[in-house]
Amino acid sequence: MSNHKVVILGGQGAIGSLLGCLFTQSGCIVYRVDQRTQGERSLCCQLDILNPAAGSEAIFTEAKAVVFALPEAVAIQALPWVLSAVGDDVQIVSTCSVQAPFHSALSAAAPGQPFIGVNPMFSPSLSEQKRPVAVTLDNCHVNEHWIERVLTQAGMRISRMTPEEHDRVMAFCQALPHAAILIFGLVLAKSPLDIGTLATVAPPPMRTMLALLSRVLLNPMEVYWDVQYENPMAAEPRQELLHAIQQLDSIVQAGDQTEFGNNLRHIAQQLGEQLNISAADCQHIFSTLK
């Protein structure tokens, strides 16, 4: 991996910066490309990749890999320009929250182009140590990829999946909880009650929900939009969430405590061994809230 040249499109963004640091630590030479530049980085190129200046494709000369650390729509739009400037052995890396559309566009334009998807399952503001990362591959049974080694050497935990499997999992791992948090926020925003009063008396579950909502609101909106809009598989859990709210309301309105208990027992049964693991996580989180 030493001296591999890696070009990161969107290199000044949160994910681009994270991967840039990881590649640099592994001995790669990292070139960051972005519409804006920050700091004094000598290997940083200011460029609009959707309207590149003549000759700007020279940035890809001798590149071993090109990382698309971009919103899904921008990544797909930039793909033809990148493919026209790189050899057919250059590794294409997608960090998209939704992997299948980008992978389909790449496969249609350059069927033999090497592909790997890297989707960190955490905000780059957190340490990468022991954090999960979803890696998408055409074939999940191949030997360890050199980019996977970069991630594992940084202490990250890899889960392999195909692009389609990735998007199905993310519909429930990301789109569903984000939707639940946003629905909570929409209801809270319409409440006539004073937020300060609510926060003062809030028990740990409410404190946790407020914390999750605030984190979403302070992060880039585009991240959460892409998770919902770009993933067609996210529609199903959103609809199921609406149905579940209606189901809960019907049970309570009917005064059916038995059915309420039956639902809780069914949920616990479905969680299986994860029930006690997550209960311990909750105890740890709540113990930090004073």
C-alpha atoms as a PDB file:
ATOM      1  CA  MET A   1       0.000   0.000   0.000  1.00  0.00           C
ATOM      2  CA  SER A   2       2.988   2.254   0.499  1.00  0.00           C
ATOM      3  CA  ASN A   3       3.138   5.106  -2.018  1.00  0.00           C
ATOM      4  CA  HIS A   4      -0.200   4.200  -3.636  1.00  0.00           C
ATOM      5  CA  LYS A   5      -1.708   7.391  -5.040  1.00  0.00           C
ATOM      6  CA  VAL A   6      -5.300   7.865  -3.894  1.00  0.00           C
ATOM      7  CA  VAL A   7      -7.470  10.696  -5.233  1.00  0.00           C
ATOM      8  CA  ILE A   8     -10.406  11.639  -3.014  1.00  0.00           C
ATOM      9  CA  LEU A   9     -13.251  13.561  -4.632  1.00  0.00           C
ATOM     10  CA  GLY A  10     -14.922  15.532  -1.869  1.00  0.00           C
ATOM     11  CA  GLY A  11     -11.721  15.263   0.096  1.00  0.00           C
ATOM     12  CA  GLN A  12     -12.517  18.190   2.396  1.00  0.00           C
ATOM     13  CA  GLY A  13     -15.828  16.747   3.560  1.00  0.00           C
ATOM     14  CA  ALA A  14     -16.273  14.714   6.735  1.00  0.00           C
ATOM     15  CA  ILE A  15     -16.000  11.262   5.139  1.00  0.00           C
ATOM     16  CA  GLY A  16     -13.365  12.386   2.645  1.00  0.00           C
ATOM     17  CA  SER A  17     -11.229  13.816   5.443  1.00  0.00           C
ATOM     18  CA  LEU A  18     -11.593  10.640   7.506  1.00  0.00           C
ATOM     19  CA  LEU A  19     -10.543   8.364   4.647  1.00  0.00           C
ATOM     20  CA  GLY A  20      -7.773  10.760   3.676  1.00  0.00           C
ATOM     21  CA  CYS A  21      -6.272  10.423   7.141  1.00  0.00           C
ATOM     22  CA  LEU A  22      -6.597   6.618   7.085  1.00  0.00           C
ATOM     23  CA  PHE A  23      -4.960   6.304   3.662  1.00  0.00           C
ATOM     24  CA  THR A  24      -2.173   8.676   4.692  1.00  0.00           C
ATOM     25  CA  GLN A  25      -1.523   6.664   7.865  1.00  0.00           C
ATOM     26  CA  SER A  26      -1.192   3.513   5.747  1.00  0.00           C
ATOM     27  CA  GLY A  27       1.491   5.122   3.586  1.00  0.00           C
ATOM     28  CA  CYS A  28      -0.596   6.227   0.607  1.00  0.00           C
ATOM     29  CA  ILE A  29      -0.112   9.551  -1.154  1.00  0.00           C
ATOM     30  CA  VAL A  30      -3.482  11.294  -0.913  1.00  0.00           C
ATOM     31  CA  TYR A  31      -4.733  13.991  -3.280  1.00  0.00           C
ATOM     32  CA  ARG A  32      -7.856  15.803  -2.094  1.00  0.00           C
ATOM     33  CA  VAL A  33     -10.190  17.332  -4.677  1.00  0.00           C
ATOM     34  CA  ASP A  34     -12.992  19.662  -3.580  1.00  0.00           C
ATOM     35  CA  GLN A  35     -14.830  22.848  -4.492  1.00  0.00           C
ATOM     36  CA  ARG A  36     -13.259  24.476  -1.463  1.00  0.00           C
ATOM     37  CA  THR A  37      -9.887  24.167   0.206  1.00  0.00           C
ATOM     38  CA  GLN A  38      -9.153  24.368   3.915  1.00  0.00           C
ATOM     39  CA  GLY A  39      -5.819  24.557   5.688  1.00  0.00           C
ATOM     40  CA  GLU A  40      -2.372  24.260   4.187  1.00  0.00           C
ATOM     41  CA  ARG A  41      -2.488  20.931   2.384  1.00  0.00           C
ATOM     42  CA  SER A  42      -0.075  20.802  -0.513  1.00  0.00           C
ATOM     43  CA  LEU A  43      -1.854  17.887  -2.193  1.00  0.00           C
ATOM     44  CA  CYS A  44      -5.231  19.579  -2.405  1.00  0.00           C
ATOM     45  CA  CYS A  45      -6.899  20.663  -5.636  1.00  0.00           C
ATOM     46  CA  GLN A  46      -9.798  23.131  -5.798  1.00  0.00           C
ATOM     47  CA  LEU A  47     -12.062  21.924  -8.581  1.00  0.00           C
ATOM     48  CA  ASP A  48     -15.732  21.724  -9.546  1.00  0.00           C
ATOM     49  CA  ILE A  49     -15.937  18.100 -10.649  1.00  0.00           C
ATOM     50  CA  LEU A  50     -19.252  18.673 -12.438  1.00  0.00           C
ATOM     51  CA  ASN A  51     -17.659  21.451 -14.485  1.00  0.00           C
ATOM     52  CA  PRO A  52     -13.952  20.545 -14.552  1.00  0.00           C
ATOM     53  CA  ALA A  53     -11.447  22.875 -16.151  1.00  0.00           C
ATOM     54  CA  ALA A  54      -9.576  21.702 -19.230  1.00  0.00           C
ATOM     55  CA  GLY A  55      -6.617  19.548 -18.308  1.00  0.00           C
ATOM     56  CA  SER A  56      -7.827  18.943 -14.766  1.00  0.00           C
ATOM     57  CA  GLU A  57      -8.015  15.197 -15.434  1.00  0.00           C
ATOM     58  CA  ALA A  58      -4.231  15.177 -14.918  1.00  0.00           C
ATOM     59  CA  ILE A  59      -4.990  14.857 -11.200  1.00  0.00           C
ATOM     60  CA  PHE A  60      -5.695  11.157 -11.859  1.00  0.00           C
ATOM     61  CA  THR A  61      -2.294  10.395 -13.399  1.00  0.00           C
ATOM     62  CA  GLU A  62      -0.828   7.238 -11.798  1.00  0.00           C
ATOM     63  CA  ALA A  63      -3.752   6.992  -9.366  1.00  0.00           C
ATOM     64  CA  LYS A  64      -4.240   3.572  -7.781  1.00  0.00           C
ATOM     65  CA  ALA A  65      -7.720   4.445  -6.525  1.00  0.00           C
ATOM     66  CA  VAL A  66     -10.330   7.190  -6.862  1.00  0.00           C
ATOM     67  CA  VAL A  67     -12.642   7.709  -3.892  1.00  0.00           C
ATOM     68  CA  PHE A  68     -16.083   9.240  -4.466  1.00  0.00           C
ATOM     69  CA  ALA A  69     -16.746  10.867  -1.067  1.00  0.00           C
ATOM     70  CA  LEU A  70     -19.723  12.697  -2.523  1.00  0.00           C
ATOM     71  CA  PRO A  71     -23.520  12.791  -2.308  1.00  0.00           C
ATOM     72  CA  GLU A  72     -25.069  10.011  -4.403  1.00  0.00           C
ATOM     73  CA  ALA A  73     -26.390  12.214  -7.208  1.00  0.00           C
ATOM     74  CA  VAL A  74     -23.111  14.124  -7.570  1.00  0.00           C
ATOM     75  CA  ALA A  75     -21.053  10.922  -7.509  1.00  0.00           C
ATOM     76  CA  ILE A  76     -23.062   9.412 -10.359  1.00  0.00           C
ATOM     77  CA  GLN A  77     -22.864  12.635 -12.393  1.00  0.00           C
ATOM     78  CA  ALA A  78     -19.086  12.798 -11.936  1.00  0.00           C
ATOM     79  CA  LEU A  79     -18.537   9.168 -12.887  1.00  0.00           C
ATOM     80  CA  PRO A  80     -18.281   9.583 -16.711  1.00  0.00           C
ATOM     81  CA  TRP A  81     -15.610  12.280 -16.402  1.00  0.00           C
ATOM     82  CA  VAL A  82     -13.552  10.174 -14.000  1.00  0.00           C
ATOM     83  CA  LEU A  83     -13.839   7.031 -16.132  1.00  0.00           C
ATOM     84  CA  SER A  84     -12.699   8.973 -19.192  1.00  0.00           C
ATOM     85  CA  ALA A  85      -9.523   9.961 -17.344  1.00  0.00           C
ATOM     86  CA  VAL A  86      -8.468   6.724 -15.607  1.00  0.00           C
ATOM     87  CA  GLY A  87      -7.326   3.296 -16.741  1.00  0.00           C
ATOM     88  CA  ASP A  88      -9.559   0.268 -16.493  1.00  0.00           C
ATOM     89  CA  ASP A  89      -7.493  -1.088 -13.588  1.00  0.00           C
ATOM     90  CA  VAL A  90      -7.972   1.932 -11.308  1.00  0.00           C
ATOM     91  CA  GLN A  91      -9.954   1.109  -8.176  1.00  0.00           C
ATOM     92  CA  ILE A  92     -13.238   3.001  -7.867  1.00  0.00           C
ATOM     93  CA  VAL A  93     -14.329   3.535  -4.258  1.00  0.00           C
ATOM     94  CA  SER A  94     -17.845   4.666  -3.354  1.00  0.00           C
ATOM     95  CA  THR A  95     -18.701   6.053   0.078  1.00  0.00           C
ATOM     96  CA  CYS A  96     -22.353   6.571  -0.843  1.00  0.00           C
ATOM     97  CA  SER A  97     -24.979   5.963   1.830  1.00  0.00           C
ATOM     98  CA  VAL A  98     -26.840   4.033  -0.870  1.00  0.00           C
ATOM     99  CA  GLN A  99     -24.534   1.807  -2.916  1.00  0.00           C
ATOM    100  CA  ALA A 100     -26.637   0.073  -5.585  1.00  0.00           C
ATOM    101  CA  PRO A 101     -27.378   3.104  -7.849  1.00  0.00           C
ATOM    102  CA  PHE A 102     -23.708   4.110  -8.084  1.00  0.00           C
ATOM    103  CA  HIS A 103     -22.633   0.507  -8.592  1.00  0.00           C
ATOM    104  CA  SER A 104     -25.223   0.070 -11.362  1.00  0.00           C
ATOM    105  CA  ALA A 105     -24.038   3.243 -13.103  1.00  0.00           C
ATOM    106  CA  LEU A 106     -20.420   2.081 -12.888  1.00  0.00           C
ATOM    107  CA  SER A 107     -21.238  -1.418 -14.152  1.00  0.00           C
ATOM    108  CA  ALA A 108     -23.157  -0.001 -17.110  1.00  0.00           C
ATOM    109  CA  ALA A 109     -20.407   2.446 -18.083  1.00  0.00           C
ATOM    110  CA  ALA A 110     -17.345   0.292 -17.334  1.00  0.00           C
ATOM    111  CA  PRO A 111     -18.273  -3.342 -16.581  1.00  0.00           C
ATOM    112  CA  GLY A 112     -14.731  -4.441 -15.732  1.00  0.00           C
ATOM    113  CA  GLN A 113     -13.758  -1.500 -13.524  1.00  0.00           C
ATOM    114  CA  PRO A 114     -12.678  -2.585 -10.007  1.00  0.00           C
ATOM    115  CA  PHE A 115     -15.250  -1.500  -7.416  1.00  0.00           C
ATOM    116  CA  ILE A 116     -15.453  -1.373  -3.645  1.00  0.00           C
ATOM    117  CA  GLY A 117     -17.886   0.504  -1.434  1.00  0.00           C
ATOM    118  CA  VAL A 118     -16.904   1.879   1.974  1.00  0.00           C
ATOM    119  CA  ASN A 119     -19.651   3.176   4.268  1.00  0.00           C
ATOM    120  CA  PRO A 120     -18.511   3.983   7.830  1.00  0.00           C
ATOM    121  CA  MET A 121     -21.348   3.296  10.263  1.00  0.00           C
ATOM    122  CA  PHE A 122     -20.493   6.276  12.455  1.00  0.00           C
ATOM    123  CA  SER A 123     -19.965  10.001  12.256  1.00  0.00           C
ATOM    124  CA  PRO A 124     -16.349  10.982  11.505  1.00  0.00           C
ATOM    125  CA  SER A 125     -16.473  13.154  14.626  1.00  0.00           C
ATOM    126  CA  LEU A 126     -16.108   9.884  16.583  1.00  0.00           C
ATOM    127  CA  SER A 127     -12.989   7.743  16.848  1.00  0.00           C
ATOM    128  CA  GLU A 128     -12.815   4.978  14.244  1.00  0.00           C
ATOM    129  CA  GLN A 129     -11.462   2.491  16.797  1.00  0.00           C
ATOM    130  CA  LYS A 130     -13.688  -0.632  16.981  1.00  0.00           C
ATOM    131  CA  ARG A 131     -16.337   1.083  14.834  1.00  0.00           C
ATOM    132  CA  PRO A 132     -18.258  -0.866  12.175  1.00  0.00           C
ATOM    133  CA  VAL A 133     -17.841  -0.157   8.473  1.00  0.00           C
ATOM    134  CA  ALA A 134     -19.915  -1.670   5.670  1.00  0.00           C
ATOM    135  CA  VAL A 135     -17.786  -2.789   2.717  1.00  0.00           C
ATOM    136  CA  THR A 136     -19.613  -3.575  -0.521  1.00  0.00           C
ATOM    137  CA  LEU A 137     -18.153  -5.893  -3.141  1.00  0.00           C
ATOM    138  CA  ASP A 138     -19.351  -7.689  -6.255  1.00  0.00           C
ATOM    139  CA  ASN A 139     -18.047 -10.909  -4.721  1.00  0.00           C
ATOM    140  CA  CYS A 140     -17.907 -11.109  -0.928  1.00  0.00           C
ATOM    141  CA  HIS A 141     -15.889 -14.350  -0.982  1.00  0.00           C
ATOM    142  CA  VAL A 142     -12.670 -12.932  -2.467  1.00  0.00           C
ATOM    143  CA  ASN A 143      -9.461 -12.459  -0.475  1.00  0.00           C
ATOM    144  CA  GLU A 144      -8.946  -9.371   1.651  1.00  0.00           C
ATOM    145  CA  HIS A 145      -8.811  -6.196  -0.440  1.00  0.00           C
ATOM    146  CA  TRP A 146      -5.960  -3.741   0.156  1.00  0.00           C
ATOM    147  CA  ILE A 147      -8.479  -1.037   1.061  1.00  0.00           C
ATOM    148  CA  GLU A 148      -9.967  -3.380   3.658  1.00  0.00           C
ATOM    149  CA  ARG A 149      -6.484  -3.649   5.163  1.00  0.00           C
ATOM    150  CA  VAL A 150      -6.358   0.135   5.455  1.00  0.00           C
ATOM    151  CA  LEU A 151      -9.611   0.023   7.418  1.00  0.00           C
ATOM    152  CA  THR A 152      -8.692  -2.891   9.687  1.00  0.00           C
ATOM    153  CA  GLN A 153      -5.272  -1.402  10.454  1.00  0.00           C
ATOM    154  CA  ALA A 154      -7.148   1.667  11.704  1.00  0.00           C
ATOM    155  CA  GLY A 155      -9.072  -0.574  14.114  1.00  0.00           C
ATOM    156  CA  MET A 156     -12.375  -0.698  12.247  1.00  0.00           C
ATOM    157  CA  ARG A 157     -14.681  -3.751  12.089  1.00  0.00           C
ATOM    158  CA  ILE A 158     -15.618  -4.768   8.540  1.00  0.00           C
ATOM    159  CA  SER A 159     -18.910  -6.300   7.417  1.00  0.00           C
ATOM    160  CA  ARG A 160     -18.959  -7.406   3.778  1.00  0.00           C
ATOM    161  CA  MET A 161     -22.085  -7.303   1.629  1.00  0.00           C
ATOM    162  CA  THR A 162     -23.179  -6.819  -1.973  1.00  0.00           C
ATOM    163  CA  PRO A 163     -24.498  -3.385  -3.029  1.00  0.00           C
ATOM    164  CA  GLU A 164     -28.091  -4.667  -2.977  1.00  0.00           C
ATOM    165  CA  GLU A 165     -27.645  -6.258   0.454  1.00  0.00           C
ATOM    166  CA  HIS A 166     -26.085  -3.023   1.691  1.00  0.00           C
ATOM    167  CA  ASP A 167     -29.064  -0.922   0.676  1.00  0.00           C
ATOM    168  CA  ARG A 168     -31.535  -3.392   2.185  1.00  0.00           C
ATOM    169  CA  VAL A 169     -29.642  -3.364   5.482  1.00  0.00           C
ATOM    170  CA  MET A 170     -29.276   0.437   5.467  1.00  0.00           C
ATOM    171  CA  ALA A 171     -33.027   0.844   4.972  1.00  0.00           C
ATOM    172  CA  PHE A 172     -33.436  -0.597   8.468  1.00  0.00           C
ATOM    173  CA  CYS A 173     -30.105   0.426  10.070  1.00  0.00           C
ATOM    174  CA  GLN A 174     -30.208   4.059   8.945  1.00  0.00           C
ATOM    175  CA  ALA A 175     -33.438   5.099   7.211  1.00  0.00           C
ATOM    176  CA  LEU A 176     -35.756   3.600   9.859  1.00  0.00           C
ATOM    177  CA  PRO A 177     -34.126   5.088  12.993  1.00  0.00           C
ATOM    178  CA  HIS A 178     -33.550   8.418  11.250  1.00  0.00           C
ATOM    179  CA  ALA A 179     -37.231   8.536  10.253  1.00  0.00           C
ATOM    180  CA  ALA A 180     -38.312   7.741  13.822  1.00  0.00           C
ATOM    181  CA  ILE A 181     -36.050  10.496  15.171  1.00  0.00           C
ATOM    182  CA  LEU A 182     -37.338  13.024  12.624  1.00  0.00           C
ATOM    183  CA  ILE A 183     -40.969  12.133  13.371  1.00  0.00           C
ATOM    184  CA  PHE A 184     -40.227  12.695  17.060  1.00  0.00           C
ATOM    185  CA  GLY A 185     -38.747  16.083  16.152  1.00  0.00           C
ATOM    186  CA  LEU A 186     -41.715  17.092  14.000  1.00  0.00           C
ATOM    187  CA  VAL A 187     -44.136  16.275  16.824  1.00  0.00           C
ATOM    188  CA  LEU A 188     -41.981  18.078  19.375  1.00  0.00           C
ATOM    189  CA  ALA A 189     -41.718  21.182  17.178  1.00  0.00           C
ATOM    190  CA  LYS A 190     -45.521  21.460  17.104  1.00  0.00           C
ATOM    191  CA  SER A 191     -45.876  21.118  20.866  1.00  0.00           C
ATOM    192  CA  PRO A 192     -47.069  24.230  22.746  1.00  0.00           C
ATOM    193  CA  LEU A 193     -44.914  23.206  25.712  1.00  0.00           C
ATOM    194  CA  ASP A 194     -41.671  24.997  26.501  1.00  0.00           C
ATOM    195  CA  ILE A 195     -38.671  22.957  25.343  1.00  0.00           C
ATOM    196  CA  GLY A 196     -36.606  24.149  28.290  1.00  0.00           C
ATOM    197  CA  THR A 197     -39.211  22.859  30.725  1.00  0.00           C
ATOM    198  CA  LEU A 198     -39.366  19.514  28.944  1.00  0.00           C
ATOM    199  CA  ALA A 199     -35.581  19.195  28.976  1.00  0.00           C
ATOM    200  CA  THR A 200     -35.401  20.036  32.687  1.00  0.00           C
ATOM    201  CA  VAL A 201     -37.714  17.210  33.751  1.00  0.00           C
ATOM    202  CA  ALA A 202     -36.868  14.809  30.905  1.00  0.00           C
ATOM    203  CA  PRO A 203     -36.132  11.218  31.973  1.00  0.00           C
ATOM    204  CA  PRO A 204     -33.264   9.351  30.258  1.00  0.00           C
ATOM    205  CA  PRO A 205     -35.337   8.102  27.266  1.00  0.00           C
ATOM    206  CA  MET A 206     -36.438  11.666  26.466  1.00  0.00           C
ATOM    207  CA  ARG A 207     -32.898  12.976  27.018  1.00  0.00           C
ATOM    208  CA  THR A 208     -31.599  10.337  24.617  1.00  0.00           C
ATOM    209  CA  MET A 209     -34.183  11.172  21.963  1.00  0.00           C
ATOM    210  CA  LEU A 210     -33.367  14.879  22.286  1.00  0.00           C
ATOM    211  CA  ALA A 211     -29.683  14.045  21.919  1.00  0.00           C
ATOM    212  CA  LEU A 212     -30.296  11.965  18.790  1.00  0.00           C
ATOM    213  CA  LEU A 213     -32.514  14.670  17.288  1.00  0.00           C
ATOM    214  CA  SER A 214     -29.975  17.397  18.027  1.00  0.00           C
ATOM    215  CA  ARG A 215     -27.166  15.400  16.441  1.00  0.00           C
ATOM    216  CA  VAL A 216     -29.215  14.967  13.272  1.00  0.00           C
ATOM    217  CA  LEU A 217     -30.034  18.682  13.163  1.00  0.00           C
ATOM    218  CA  LEU A 218     -26.393  19.731  13.600  1.00  0.00           C
ATOM    219  CA  ASN A 219     -25.040  17.400  10.921  1.00  0.00           C
ATOM    220  CA  PRO A 220     -25.273  18.139   7.165  1.00  0.00           C
ATOM    221  CA  MET A 221     -28.873  17.831   5.992  1.00  0.00           C
ATOM    222  CA  GLU A 222     -27.771  16.172   2.738  1.00  0.00           C
ATOM    223  CA  VAL A 223     -26.589  13.072   4.601  1.00  0.00           C
ATOM    224  CA  TYR A 224     -30.046  12.344   5.991  1.00  0.00           C
ATOM    225  CA  TRP A 225     -31.805  13.282   2.763  1.00  0.00           C
ATOM    226  CA  ASP A 226     -29.707  10.821   0.782  1.00  0.00           C
ATOM    227  CA  VAL A 227     -30.432   8.046   3.291  1.00  0.00           C
ATOM    228  CA  GLN A 228     -34.185   8.532   2.786  1.00  0.00           C
ATOM    229  CA  TYR A 229     -34.476   9.707  -0.825  1.00  0.00           C
ATOM    230  CA  GLU A 230     -31.763   7.822  -2.670  1.00  0.00           C
ATOM    231  CA  ASN A 231     -32.590   4.400  -1.236  1.00  0.00           C
ATOM    232  CA  PRO A 232     -35.787   2.987  -2.778  1.00  0.00           C
ATOM    233  CA  MET A 233     -35.750   0.249  -0.138  1.00  0.00           C
ATOM    234  CA  ALA A 234     -36.262   2.878   2.586  1.00  0.00           C
ATOM    235  CA  ALA A 235     -39.907   3.344   1.602  1.00  0.00           C
ATOM    236  CA  GLU A 236     -40.945   0.022   3.154  1.00  0.00           C
ATOM    237  CA  PRO A 237     -39.682   0.662   6.713  1.00  0.00           C
ATOM    238  CA  ARG A 238     -41.111   4.207   6.600  1.00  0.00           C
ATOM    239  CA  GLN A 239     -44.530   2.800   5.714  1.00  0.00           C
ATOM    240  CA  GLU A 240     -44.176   0.121   8.382  1.00  0.00           C
ATOM    241  CA  LEU A 241     -43.315   2.840  10.900  1.00  0.00           C
ATOM    242  CA  LEU A 242     -46.515   4.703  10.056  1.00  0.00           C
ATOM    243  CA  HIS A 243     -48.507   1.473  10.285  1.00  0.00           C
ATOM    244  CA  ALA A 244     -46.956   0.638  13.664  1.00  0.00           C
ATOM    245  CA  ILE A 245     -47.900   4.068  15.066  1.00  0.00           C
ATOM    246  CA  GLN A 246     -51.486   3.545  13.895  1.00  0.00           C
ATOM    247  CA  GLN A 247     -51.487   0.030  15.362  1.00  0.00           C
ATOM    248  CA  LEU A 248     -50.251   1.290  18.736  1.00  0.00           C
ATOM    249  CA  ASP A 249     -52.849   4.053  18.752  1.00  0.00           C
ATOM    250  CA  SER A 250     -55.640   1.591  17.949  1.00  0.00           C
ATOM    251  CA  ILE A 251     -54.567  -0.761  20.765  1.00  0.00           C
ATOM    252  CA  VAL A 252     -54.452   2.076  23.308  1.00  0.00           C
ATOM    253  CA  GLN A 253     -57.726   3.608  22.127  1.00  0.00           C
ATOM    254  CA  ALA A 254     -59.385   0.210  22.524  1.00  0.00           C
ATOM    255  CA  GLY A 255     -57.964  -0.208  26.028  1.00  0.00           C
ATOM    256  CA  ASP A 256     -56.524  -3.573  24.992  1.00  0.00           C
ATOM    257  CA  GLN A 257     -53.758  -4.159  27.539  1.00  0.00           C
ATOM    258  CA  THR A 258     -53.543  -7.826  26.585  1.00  0.00           C
ATOM    259  CA  GLU A 259     -52.712  -7.024  22.962  1.00  0.00           C
ATOM    260  CA  PHE A 260     -50.252  -4.377  24.139  1.00  0.00           C
ATOM    261  CA  GLY A 261     -48.427  -7.007  26.199  1.00  0.00           C
ATOM    262  CA  ASN A 262     -48.573  -9.525  23.364  1.00  0.00           C
ATOM    263  CA  ASN A 263     -46.844  -7.035  21.074  1.00  0.00           C
ATOM    264  CA  LEU A 264     -44.076  -6.365  23.583  1.00  0.00           C
ATOM    265  CA  ARG A 265     -43.477 -10.087  24.058  1.00  0.00           C
ATOM    266  CA  HIS A 266     -43.370 -10.609  20.290  1.00  0.00           C
ATOM    267  CA  ILE A 267     -40.802  -7.828  19.901  1.00  0.00           C
ATOM    268  CA  ALA A 268     -38.661  -9.275  22.698  1.00  0.00           C
ATOM    269  CA  GLN A 269     -38.818 -12.710  21.079  1.00  0.00           C
ATOM    270  CA  GLN A 270     -37.710 -11.284  17.735  1.00  0.00           C
ATOM    271  CA  LEU A 271     -34.745  -9.530  19.345  1.00  0.00           C
ATOM    272  CA  GLY A 272     -33.514 -12.815  20.819  1.00  0.00           C
ATOM    273  CA  GLU A 273     -30.004 -12.598  22.291  1.00  0.00           C
ATOM    274  CA  GLN A 274     -29.737  -8.970  21.179  1.00  0.00           C
ATOM    275  CA  LEU A 275     -32.289  -8.011  23.857  1.00  0.00           C
ATOM    276  CA  ASN A 276     -29.859  -8.305  26.776  1.00  0.00           C
ATOM    277  CA  ILE A 277     -26.953  -6.884  24.764  1.00  0.00           C
ATOM    278  CA  SER A 278     -28.928  -3.767  23.864  1.00  0.00           C
ATOM    279  CA  ALA A 279     -30.352  -3.473  27.386  1.00  0.00           C
ATOM    280  CA  ALA A 280     -26.763  -3.288  28.656  1.00  0.00           C
ATOM    281  CA  ASP A 281     -26.003  -0.628  26.033  1.00  0.00           C
ATOM    282  CA  CYS A 282     -28.997   1.357  27.257  1.00  0.00           C
ATOM    283  CA  GLN A 283     -27.889   1.079  30.877  1.00  0.00           C
ATOM    284  CA  HIS A 284     -24.454   2.382  29.874  1.00  0.00           C
ATOM    285  CA  ILE A 285     -25.947   5.319  27.948  1.00  0.00           C
ATOM    286  CA  PHE A 286     -28.438   6.234  30.669  1.00  0.00           C
ATOM    287  CA  SER A 287     -25.755   6.093  33.366  1.00  0.00           C
ATOM    288  CA  THR A 288     -23.926   8.953  31.620  1.00  0.00           C
ATOM    289  CA  LEU A 289     -27.014  11.204  31.635  1.00  0.00           C
ATOM    290  CA  LYS A 290     -27.190  13.193  34.872  1.00  0.00           C
END
